[in-house]
PDB file of N, CA and C in Angstrom:
ATOM      1  N   MET A   1     -14.907   7.184 -16.008  1.00  0.00           N
ATOM      2  CA  MET A   1     -13.658   7.908 -15.873  1.00  0.00           C
ATOM      3  C   MET A   1     -12.683   7.335 -16.898  1.00  0.00           C
ATOM      4  N   SER A   2     -12.009   8.189 -17.604  1.00  0.00           N
ATOM      5  CA  SER A   2     -11.090   7.735 -18.646  1.00  0.00           C
ATOM      6  C   SER A   2      -9.823   7.148 -18.023  1.00  0.00           C
ATOM      7  N   ARG A   3      -9.110   6.372 -18.807  1.00  0.00           N
ATOM      8  CA  ARG A   3      -7.851   5.782 -18.340  1.00  0.00           C
ATOM      9  C   ARG A   3      -6.846   6.877 -17.996  1.00  0.00           C
ATOM     10  N   PHE A   4      -6.876   7.959 -18.801  1.00  0.00           N
ATOM     11  CA  PHE A   4      -5.969   9.078 -18.547  1.00  0.00           C
ATOM     12  C   PHE A   4      -6.248   9.685 -17.173  1.00  0.00           C
ATOM     13  N   SER A   5      -7.520   9.917 -16.881  1.00  0.00           N
ATOM     14  CA  SER A   5      -7.890  10.517 -15.592  1.00  0.00           C
ATOM     15  C   SER A   5      -7.490   9.615 -14.439  1.00  0.00           C
ATOM     16  N   LEU A   6      -7.773   8.327 -14.580  1.00  0.00           N
ATOM     17  CA  LEU A   6      -7.433   7.378 -13.530  1.00  0.00           C
ATOM     18  C   LEU A   6      -5.920   7.328 -13.336  1.00  0.00           C
ATOM     19  N   GLY A   7      -5.173   7.315 -14.432  1.00  0.00           N
ATOM     20  CA  GLY A   7      -3.718   7.300 -14.354  1.00  0.00           C
ATOM     21  C   GLY A   7      -3.178   8.557 -13.694  1.00  0.00           C
ATOM     22  N   PHE A   8      -3.762   9.690 -14.038  1.00  0.00           N
ATOM     23  CA  PHE A   8      -3.331  10.961 -13.450  1.00  0.00           C
ATOM     24  C   PHE A   8      -3.582  10.969 -11.945  1.00  0.00           C
ATOM     25  N   ILE A   9      -4.753  10.534 -11.546  1.00  0.00           N
ATOM     26  CA  ILE A   9      -5.095  10.498 -10.119  1.00  0.00           C
ATOM     27  C   ILE A   9      -4.153   9.561  -9.371  1.00  0.00           C
ATOM     28  N   LEU A  10      -3.905   8.384  -9.934  1.00  0.00           N
ATOM     29  CA  LEU A  10      -3.013   7.420  -9.297  1.00  0.00           C
ATOM     30  C   LEU A  10      -1.601   7.988  -9.177  1.00  0.00           C
ATOM     31  N   ALA A  11      -1.106   8.607 -10.256  1.00  0.00           N
ATOM     32  CA  ALA A  11       0.234   9.206 -10.217  1.00  0.00           C
ATOM     33  C   ALA A  11       0.304  10.302  -9.154  1.00  0.00           C
ATOM     34  N   PHE A  12      -0.739  11.114  -9.069  1.00  0.00           N
ATOM     35  CA  PHE A  12      -0.774  12.173  -8.065  1.00  0.00           C
ATOM     36  C   PHE A  12      -0.707  11.582  -6.658  1.00  0.00           C
ATOM     37  N   LEU A  13      -1.496  10.551  -6.401  1.00  0.00           N
ATOM     38  CA  LEU A  13      -1.498   9.927  -5.072  1.00  0.00           C
ATOM     39  C   LEU A  13      -0.130   9.351  -4.733  1.00  0.00           C
ATOM     40  N   ILE A  14       0.493   8.711  -5.700  1.00  0.00           N
ATOM     41  CA  ILE A  14       1.804   8.107  -5.471  1.00  0.00           C
ATOM     42  C   ILE A  14       2.837   9.179  -5.139  1.00  0.00           C
ATOM     43  N   PHE A  15       2.930  10.200  -5.982  1.00  0.00           N
ATOM     44  CA  PHE A  15       3.946  11.216  -5.759  1.00  0.00           C
ATOM     45  C   PHE A  15       3.664  12.058  -4.520  1.00  0.00           C
ATOM     46  N   ALA A  16       2.406  12.294  -4.218  1.00  0.00           N
ATOM     47  CA  ALA A  16       2.075  13.042  -3.008  1.00  0.00           C
ATOM     48  C   ALA A  16       2.495  12.254  -1.774  1.00  0.00           C
ATOM     49  N   THR A  17       2.292  10.961  -1.800  1.00  0.00           N
ATOM     50  CA  THR A  17       2.658  10.129  -0.659  1.00  0.00           C
ATOM     51  C   THR A  17       4.168  10.016  -0.530  1.00  0.00           C
ATOM     52  N   ILE A  18       4.856   9.880  -1.644  1.00  0.00           N
ATOM     53  CA  ILE A  18       6.314   9.784  -1.609  1.00  0.00           C
ATOM     54  C   ILE A  18       6.898  11.067  -1.034  1.00  0.00           C
ATOM     55  N   ALA A  19       6.388  12.194  -1.484  1.00  0.00           N
ATOM     56  CA  ALA A  19       6.890  13.482  -1.013  1.00  0.00           C
ATOM     57  C   ALA A  19       6.612  13.682   0.467  1.00  0.00           C
ATOM     58  N   LYS A  20       5.563  13.071   0.949  1.00  0.00           N
ATOM     59  CA  LYS A  20       5.147  13.246   2.342  1.00  0.00           C
ATOM     60  C   LYS A  20       6.113  12.572   3.317  1.00  0.00           C
ATOM     61  N   GLY A  21       6.827  11.547   2.877  1.00  0.00           N
ATOM     62  CA  GLY A  21       7.770  10.860   3.756  1.00  0.00           C
ATOM     63  C   GLY A  21       7.258   9.485   4.135  1.00  0.00           C
ATOM     64  N   ALA A  22       7.939   8.862   5.028  1.00  0.00           N
ATOM     65  CA  ALA A  22       7.617   7.502   5.446  1.00  0.00           C
ATOM     66  C   ALA A  22       6.268   7.457   6.151  1.00  0.00           C
ATOM     67  N   PRO A  23       5.565   6.338   6.018  1.00  0.00           N
ATOM     68  CA  PRO A  23       4.269   6.217   6.684  1.00  0.00           C
ATOM     69  C   PRO A  23       4.428   6.138   8.193  1.00  0.00           C
ATOM     70  N   GLY A  24       3.393   6.555   8.895  1.00  0.00           N
ATOM     71  CA  GLY A  24       3.412   6.506  10.343  1.00  0.00           C
ATOM     72  C   GLY A  24       3.239   5.099  10.877  1.00  0.00           C
ATOM     73  N   GLU A  25       3.457   4.950  12.163  1.00  0.00           N
ATOM     74  CA  GLU A  25       3.330   3.649  12.820  1.00  0.00           C
ATOM     75  C   GLU A  25       1.964   3.015  12.605  1.00  0.00           C
ATOM     76  N   GLN A  26       0.908   3.839  12.653  1.00  0.00           N
ATOM     77  CA  GLN A  26      -0.438   3.296  12.502  1.00  0.00           C
ATOM     78  C   GLN A  26      -0.644   2.708  11.113  1.00  0.00           C
ATOM     79  N   VAL A  27      -0.133   3.371  10.091  1.00  0.00           N
ATOM     80  CA  VAL A  27      -0.265   2.871   8.724  1.00  0.00           C
ATOM     81  C   VAL A  27       0.515   1.574   8.560  1.00  0.00           C
ATOM     82  N   VAL A  28       1.718   1.528   9.088  1.00  0.00           N
ATOM     83  CA  VAL A  28       2.528   0.310   9.021  1.00  0.00           C
ATOM     84  C   VAL A  28       1.793  -0.833   9.710  1.00  0.00           C
ATOM     85  N   SER A  29       1.212  -0.557  10.869  1.00  0.00           N
ATOM     86  CA  SER A  29       0.462  -1.566  11.607  1.00  0.00           C
ATOM     87  C   SER A  29      -0.740  -2.072  10.797  1.00  0.00           C
ATOM     88  N   GLN A  30      -1.459  -1.158  10.147  1.00  0.00           N
ATOM     89  CA  GLN A  30      -2.615  -1.544   9.331  1.00  0.00           C
ATOM     90  C   GLN A  30      -2.183  -2.422   8.163  1.00  0.00           C
ATOM     91  N   LEU A  31      -1.116  -2.049   7.494  1.00  0.00           N
ATOM     92  CA  LEU A  31      -0.634  -2.834   6.359  1.00  0.00           C
ATOM     93  C   LEU A  31      -0.188  -4.220   6.802  1.00  0.00           C
ATOM     94  N   GLN A  32       0.483  -4.302   7.931  1.00  0.00           N
ATOM     95  CA  GLN A  32       0.911  -5.601   8.430  1.00  0.00           C
ATOM     96  C   GLN A  32      -0.303  -6.461   8.786  1.00  0.00           C
ATOM     97  N   LYS A  33      -1.305  -5.853   9.386  1.00  0.00           N
ATOM     98  CA  LYS A  33      -2.528  -6.582   9.756  1.00  0.00           C
ATOM     99  C   LYS A  33      -3.251  -7.092   8.513  1.00  0.00           C
ATOM    100  N   LEU A  34      -3.353  -6.259   7.496  1.00  0.00           N
ATOM    101  CA  LEU A  34      -4.096  -6.610   6.293  1.00  0.00           C
ATOM    102  C   LEU A  34      -3.329  -7.516   5.338  1.00  0.00           C
ATOM    103  N   CYS A  35      -2.010  -7.417   5.316  1.00  0.00           N
ATOM    104  CA  CYS A  35      -1.235  -8.011   4.233  1.00  0.00           C
ATOM    105  C   CYS A  35      -0.263  -9.107   4.639  1.00  0.00           C
ATOM    106  N   ALA A  36       0.119  -9.173   5.915  1.00  0.00           N
ATOM    107  CA  ALA A  36       1.220 -10.047   6.330  1.00  0.00           C
ATOM    108  C   ALA A  36       0.955 -11.535   6.131  1.00  0.00           C
ATOM    109  N   ASP A  37      -0.303 -11.973   6.164  1.00  0.00           N
ATOM    110  CA  ASP A  37      -0.574 -13.402   5.974  1.00  0.00           C
ATOM    111  C   ASP A  37      -0.115 -13.891   4.602  1.00  0.00           C
ATOM    112  N   CYS A  38      -0.284 -13.065   3.600  1.00  0.00           N
ATOM    113  CA  CYS A  38       0.094 -13.450   2.232  1.00  0.00           C
ATOM    114  C   CYS A  38       1.415 -12.838   1.776  1.00  0.00           C
ATOM    115  N   HIS A  39       1.847 -11.788   2.455  1.00  0.00           N
ATOM    116  CA  HIS A  39       3.062 -11.078   2.053  1.00  0.00           C
ATOM    117  C   HIS A  39       3.975 -10.880   3.256  1.00  0.00           C
ATOM    118  N   GLY A  40       4.190 -11.962   4.007  1.00  0.00           N
ATOM    119  CA  GLY A  40       4.991 -11.898   5.220  1.00  0.00           C
ATOM    120  C   GLY A  40       6.334 -12.579   5.068  1.00  0.00           C
ATOM    121  N   ALA A  41       6.942 -12.887   6.192  1.00  0.00           N
ATOM    122  CA  ALA A  41       8.277 -13.489   6.186  1.00  0.00           C
ATOM    123  C   ALA A  41       8.269 -14.903   5.615  1.00  0.00           C
ATOM    124  N   LYS A  42       7.218 -15.680   5.907  1.00  0.00           N
ATOM    125  CA  LYS A  42       7.169 -17.072   5.456  1.00  0.00           C
ATOM    126  C   LYS A  42       6.537 -17.232   4.081  1.00  0.00           C
ATOM    127  N   LYS A  43       5.491 -16.488   3.823  1.00  0.00           N
ATOM    128  CA  LYS A  43       4.791 -16.573   2.540  1.00  0.00           C
ATOM    129  C   LYS A  43       4.853 -15.209   1.866  1.00  0.00           C
ATOM    130  N   GLN A  44       5.294 -15.192   0.608  1.00  0.00           N
ATOM    131  CA  GLN A  44       5.425 -13.931  -0.121  1.00  0.00           C
ATOM    132  C   GLN A  44       4.807 -14.088  -1.506  1.00  0.00           C
ATOM    133  N   LYS A  45       3.475 -14.050  -1.547  1.00  0.00           N
ATOM    134  CA  LYS A  45       2.789 -14.166  -2.828  1.00  0.00           C
ATOM    135  C   LYS A  45       3.249 -13.055  -3.765  1.00  0.00           C
ATOM    136  N   GLY A  46       3.447 -13.407  -5.010  1.00  0.00           N
ATOM    137  CA  GLY A  46       3.902 -12.434  -5.990  1.00  0.00           C
ATOM    138  C   GLY A  46       5.293 -11.897  -5.690  1.00  0.00           C
ATOM    139  N   LYS A  47       6.060 -12.643  -4.884  1.00  0.00           N
ATOM    140  CA  LYS A  47       7.402 -12.215  -4.468  1.00  0.00           C
ATOM    141  C   LYS A  47       7.379 -10.808  -3.872  1.00  0.00           C
ATOM    142  N   PHE A  48       6.324 -10.531  -3.108  1.00  0.00           N
ATOM    143  CA  PHE A  48       6.141  -9.203  -2.505  1.00  0.00           C
ATOM    144  C   PHE A  48       5.970  -9.364  -1.007  1.00  0.00           C
ATOM    145  N   ALA A  49       6.900  -8.815  -0.224  1.00  0.00           N
ATOM    146  CA  ALA A  49       6.879  -8.961   1.231  1.00  0.00           C
ATOM    147  C   ALA A  49       6.646  -7.629   1.924  1.00  0.00           C
ATOM    148  N   LEU A  50       5.862  -7.687   3.009  1.00  0.00           N
ATOM    149  CA  LEU A  50       5.588  -6.487   3.803  1.00  0.00           C
ATOM    150  C   LEU A  50       5.896  -6.679   5.282  1.00  0.00           C
ATOM    151  N   HIS A  51       6.440  -7.835   5.652  1.00  0.00           N
ATOM    152  CA  HIS A  51       6.705  -8.080   7.074  1.00  0.00           C
ATOM    153  C   HIS A  51       7.754  -7.135   7.647  1.00  0.00           C
ATOM    154  N   ASP A  52       8.610  -6.609   6.795  1.00  0.00           N
ATOM    155  CA  ASP A  52       9.678  -5.716   7.250  1.00  0.00           C
ATOM    156  C   ASP A  52       9.415  -4.262   6.856  1.00  0.00           C
ATOM    157  N   ILE A  53       8.162  -3.956   6.634  1.00  0.00           N
ATOM    158  CA  ILE A  53       7.791  -2.640   6.108  1.00  0.00           C
ATOM    159  C   ILE A  53       8.206  -1.487   7.011  1.00  0.00           C
ATOM    160  N   GLY A  54       8.185  -1.657   8.295  1.00  0.00           N
ATOM    161  CA  GLY A  54       8.547  -0.568   9.199  1.00  0.00           C
ATOM    162  C   GLY A  54       9.983  -0.119   9.029  1.00  0.00           C
ATOM    163  N   ALA A  55      10.877  -1.061   8.830  1.00  0.00           N
ATOM    164  CA  ALA A  55      12.293  -0.745   8.719  1.00  0.00           C
ATOM    165  C   ALA A  55      12.660  -0.194   7.341  1.00  0.00           C
ATOM    166  N   LYS A  56      12.015  -0.675   6.306  1.00  0.00           N
ATOM    167  CA  LYS A  56      12.437  -0.319   4.955  1.00  0.00           C
ATOM    168  C   LYS A  56      11.638   0.810   4.311  1.00  0.00           C
ATOM    169  N   MET A  57      10.588   1.275   4.907  1.00  0.00           N
ATOM    170  CA  MET A  57       9.759   2.289   4.270  1.00  0.00           C
ATOM    171  C   MET A  57      10.264   3.697   4.530  1.00  0.00           C
ATOM    172  N   ALA A  58      11.421   3.827   5.096  1.00  0.00           N
ATOM    173  CA  ALA A  58      11.931   5.136   5.486  1.00  0.00           C
ATOM    174  C   ALA A  58      12.289   6.053   4.321  1.00  0.00           C
ATOM    175  N   GLY A  59      12.414   5.564   3.124  1.00  0.00           N
ATOM    176  CA  GLY A  59      12.706   6.472   2.032  1.00  0.00           C
ATOM    177  C   GLY A  59      13.248   5.787   0.792  1.00  0.00           C
ATOM    178  N   ALA A  60      14.117   4.824   0.965  1.00  0.00           N
ATOM    179  CA  ALA A  60      14.765   4.192  -0.175  1.00  0.00           C
ATOM    180  C   ALA A  60      13.875   3.176  -0.876  1.00  0.00           C
ATOM    181  N   ASP A  61      12.775   2.803  -0.279  1.00  0.00           N
ATOM    182  CA  ASP A  61      11.936   1.739  -0.818  1.00  0.00           C
ATOM    183  C   ASP A  61      10.724   2.295  -1.561  1.00  0.00           C
ATOM    184  N   ILE A  62      10.959   3.197  -2.484  1.00  0.00           N
ATOM    185  CA  ILE A  62       9.887   3.883  -3.205  1.00  0.00           C
ATOM    186  C   ILE A  62       9.066   2.917  -4.056  1.00  0.00           C
ATOM    187  N   GLU A  63       9.722   1.952  -4.685  1.00  0.00           N
ATOM    188  CA  GLU A  63       9.000   1.015  -5.557  1.00  0.00           C
ATOM    189  C   GLU A  63       7.940   0.240  -4.780  1.00  0.00           C
ATOM    190  N   ARG A  64       8.284  -0.193  -3.582  1.00  0.00           N
ATOM    191  CA  ARG A  64       7.315  -0.941  -2.779  1.00  0.00           C
ATOM    192  C   ARG A  64       6.159  -0.055  -2.364  1.00  0.00           C
ATOM    193  N   ARG A  65       6.463   1.181  -2.007  1.00  0.00           N
ATOM    194  CA  ARG A  65       5.398   2.123  -1.630  1.00  0.00           C
ATOM    195  C   ARG A  65       4.468   2.370  -2.811  1.00  0.00           C
ATOM    196  N   GLU A  66       5.020   2.540  -3.996  1.00  0.00           N
ATOM    197  CA  GLU A  66       4.204   2.757  -5.193  1.00  0.00           C
ATOM    198  C   GLU A  66       3.288   1.565  -5.443  1.00  0.00           C
ATOM    199  N   LYS A  67       3.818   0.370  -5.285  1.00  0.00           N
ATOM    200  CA  LYS A  67       3.031  -0.856  -5.521  1.00  0.00           C
ATOM    201  C   LYS A  67       1.881  -0.958  -4.513  1.00  0.00           C
ATOM    202  N   ILE A  68       2.152  -0.640  -3.256  1.00  0.00           N
ATOM    203  CA  ILE A  68       1.108  -0.677  -2.234  1.00  0.00           C
ATOM    204  C   ILE A  68      -0.006   0.303  -2.587  1.00  0.00           C
ATOM    205  N   LEU A  69       0.364   1.524  -2.911  1.00  0.00           N
ATOM    206  CA  LEU A  69      -0.627   2.541  -3.262  1.00  0.00           C
ATOM    207  C   LEU A  69      -1.424   2.147  -4.497  1.00  0.00           C
ATOM    208  N   GLU A  70      -0.735   1.620  -5.485  1.00  0.00           N
ATOM    209  CA  GLU A  70      -1.416   1.207  -6.716  1.00  0.00           C
ATOM    210  C   GLU A  70      -2.443   0.109  -6.435  1.00  0.00           C
ATOM    211  N   MET A  71      -2.033  -0.932  -5.730  1.00  0.00           N
ATOM    212  CA  MET A  71      -2.926  -2.064  -5.478  1.00  0.00           C
ATOM    213  C   MET A  71      -4.133  -1.671  -4.624  1.00  0.00           C
ATOM    214  N   LEU A  72      -3.922  -0.820  -3.636  1.00  0.00           N
ATOM    215  CA  LEU A  72      -5.038  -0.351  -2.810  1.00  0.00           C
ATOM    216  C   LEU A  72      -5.944   0.599  -3.586  1.00  0.00           C
ATOM    217  N   SER A  73      -5.358   1.489  -4.365  1.00  0.00           N
ATOM    218  CA  SER A  73      -6.135   2.497  -5.100  1.00  0.00           C
ATOM    219  C   SER A  73      -7.040   1.881  -6.148  1.00  0.00           C
ATOM    220  N   ILE A  74      -6.544   0.878  -6.853  1.00  0.00           N
ATOM    221  CA  ILE A  74      -7.358   0.278  -7.922  1.00  0.00           C
ATOM    222  C   ILE A  74      -8.213  -0.874  -7.399  1.00  0.00           C
ATOM    223  N   GLY A  75      -8.039  -1.227  -6.137  1.00  0.00           N
ATOM    224  CA  GLY A  75      -8.889  -2.243  -5.522  1.00  0.00           C
ATOM    225  C   GLY A  75      -8.459  -3.673  -5.762  1.00  0.00           C
ATOM    226  N   ASP A  76      -7.239  -3.897  -6.258  1.00  0.00           N
ATOM    227  CA  ASP A  76      -6.762  -5.259  -6.483  1.00  0.00           C
ATOM    228  C   ASP A  76      -6.348  -5.955  -5.191  1.00  0.00           C
ATOM    229  N   MET A  77      -6.006  -5.181  -4.190  1.00  0.00           N
ATOM    230  CA  MET A  77      -5.610  -5.740  -2.909  1.00  0.00           C
ATOM    231  C   MET A  77      -6.353  -4.995  -1.814  1.00  0.00           C
ATOM    232  N   PRO A  78      -6.687  -5.655  -0.754  1.00  0.00           N
ATOM    233  CA  PRO A  78      -6.651  -7.096  -0.564  1.00  0.00           C
ATOM    234  C   PRO A  78      -7.660  -7.792  -1.476  1.00  0.00           C
ATOM    235  N   PRO A  79      -7.437  -9.092  -1.742  1.00  0.00           N
ATOM    236  CA  PRO A  79      -8.388  -9.842  -2.573  1.00  0.00           C
ATOM    237  C   PRO A  79      -9.786  -9.820  -1.953  1.00  0.00           C
ATOM    238  N   GLU A  80     -10.791 -10.007  -2.790  1.00  0.00           N
ATOM    239  CA  GLU A  80     -12.185  -9.939  -2.330  1.00  0.00           C
ATOM    240  C   GLU A  80     -12.501 -10.895  -1.196  1.00  0.00           C
ATOM    241  N   ASP A  81     -11.842 -12.054  -1.162  1.00  0.00           N
ATOM    242  CA  ASP A  81     -12.150 -13.056  -0.139  1.00  0.00           C
ATOM    243  C   ASP A  81     -11.339 -12.872   1.153  1.00  0.00           C
ATOM    244  N   GLU A  82     -10.639 -11.754   1.262  1.00  0.00           N
ATOM    245  CA  GLU A  82      -9.863 -11.438   2.466  1.00  0.00           C
ATOM    246  C   GLU A  82     -10.488 -10.227   3.168  1.00  0.00           C
ATOM    247  N   PRO A  83     -10.191 -10.033   4.463  1.00  0.00           N
ATOM    248  CA  PRO A  83     -10.707  -8.859   5.169  1.00  0.00           C
ATOM    249  C   PRO A  83     -10.294  -7.566   4.451  1.00  0.00           C
ATOM    250  N   GLN A  84     -11.231  -6.638   4.379  1.00  0.00           N
ATOM    251  CA  GLN A  84     -11.016  -5.375   3.672  1.00  0.00           C
ATOM    252  C   GLN A  84     -10.846  -4.225   4.663  1.00  0.00           C
ATOM    253  N   PRO A  85     -10.012  -3.253   4.308  1.00  0.00           N
ATOM    254  CA  PRO A  85      -9.915  -2.074   5.169  1.00  0.00           C
ATOM    255  C   PRO A  85     -11.192  -1.248   5.040  1.00  0.00           C
ATOM    256  N   GLY A  86     -11.563  -0.557   6.115  1.00  0.00           N
ATOM    257  CA  GLY A  86     -12.698   0.348   6.062  1.00  0.00           C
ATOM    258  C   GLY A  86     -12.354   1.569   5.222  1.00  0.00           C
ATOM    259  N   VAL A  87     -13.345   2.370   4.921  1.00  0.00           N
ATOM    260  CA  VAL A  87     -13.148   3.554   4.091  1.00  0.00           C
ATOM    261  C   VAL A  87     -12.101   4.482   4.706  1.00  0.00           C
ATOM    262  N   GLU A  88     -12.234   4.763   5.991  1.00  0.00           N
ATOM    263  CA  GLU A  88     -11.290   5.664   6.660  1.00  0.00           C
ATOM    264  C   GLU A  88      -9.892   5.049   6.744  1.00  0.00           C
ATOM    265  N   GLU A  89      -9.849   3.766   7.032  1.00  0.00           N
ATOM    266  CA  GLU A  89      -8.563   3.072   7.130  1.00  0.00           C
ATOM    267  C   GLU A  89      -7.839   3.107   5.774  1.00  0.00           C
ATOM    268  N   LYS A  90      -8.576   2.848   4.713  1.00  0.00           N
ATOM    269  CA  LYS A  90      -7.991   2.864   3.372  1.00  0.00           C
ATOM    270  C   LYS A  90      -7.515   4.271   3.004  1.00  0.00           C
ATOM    271  N   LYS A  91      -8.324   5.267   3.344  1.00  0.00           N
ATOM    272  CA  LYS A  91      -7.959   6.649   3.068  1.00  0.00           C
ATOM    273  C   LYS A  91      -6.668   7.032   3.799  1.00  0.00           C
ATOM    274  N   GLU A  92      -6.545   6.595   5.035  1.00  0.00           N
ATOM    275  CA  GLU A  92      -5.348   6.905   5.822  1.00  0.00           C
ATOM    276  C   GLU A  92      -4.108   6.246   5.228  1.00  0.00           C
ATOM    277  N   ILE A  93      -4.242   5.018   4.756  1.00  0.00           N
ATOM    278  CA  ILE A  93      -3.108   4.315   4.160  1.00  0.00           C
ATOM    279  C   ILE A  93      -2.686   5.005   2.870  1.00  0.00           C
ATOM    280  N   ILE A  94      -3.646   5.357   2.041  1.00  0.00           N
ATOM    281  CA  ILE A  94      -3.345   5.965   0.746  1.00  0.00           C
ATOM    282  C   ILE A  94      -2.804   7.379   0.890  1.00  0.00           C
ATOM    283  N   GLN A  95      -3.285   8.104   1.889  1.00  0.00           N
ATOM    284  CA  GLN A  95      -2.798   9.467   2.104  1.00  0.00           C
ATOM    285  C   GLN A  95      -1.443   9.387   2.697  1.00  0.00           C
TER     286      GLN A  95
END
């Protein structure tokens, strides 16, 4: 797959998700379960926090939503040595 195609698909996923509105409770719960150990209130690797995702994902926090979608879509997060979301779980988060 070319870089252009991958970029187009990623951009489509990001904008489709942004247009859809804030993520549901289940998605927030999944992200907190998968990410909070490294991106929580006490530890924020890469200066990226998700412990407060439920309160801030309502609309104004587009940059954080884009970063989450990007990292999950390209497979950079979660790291290989951490628990991974299942296929359906990942699909639900990205959608």
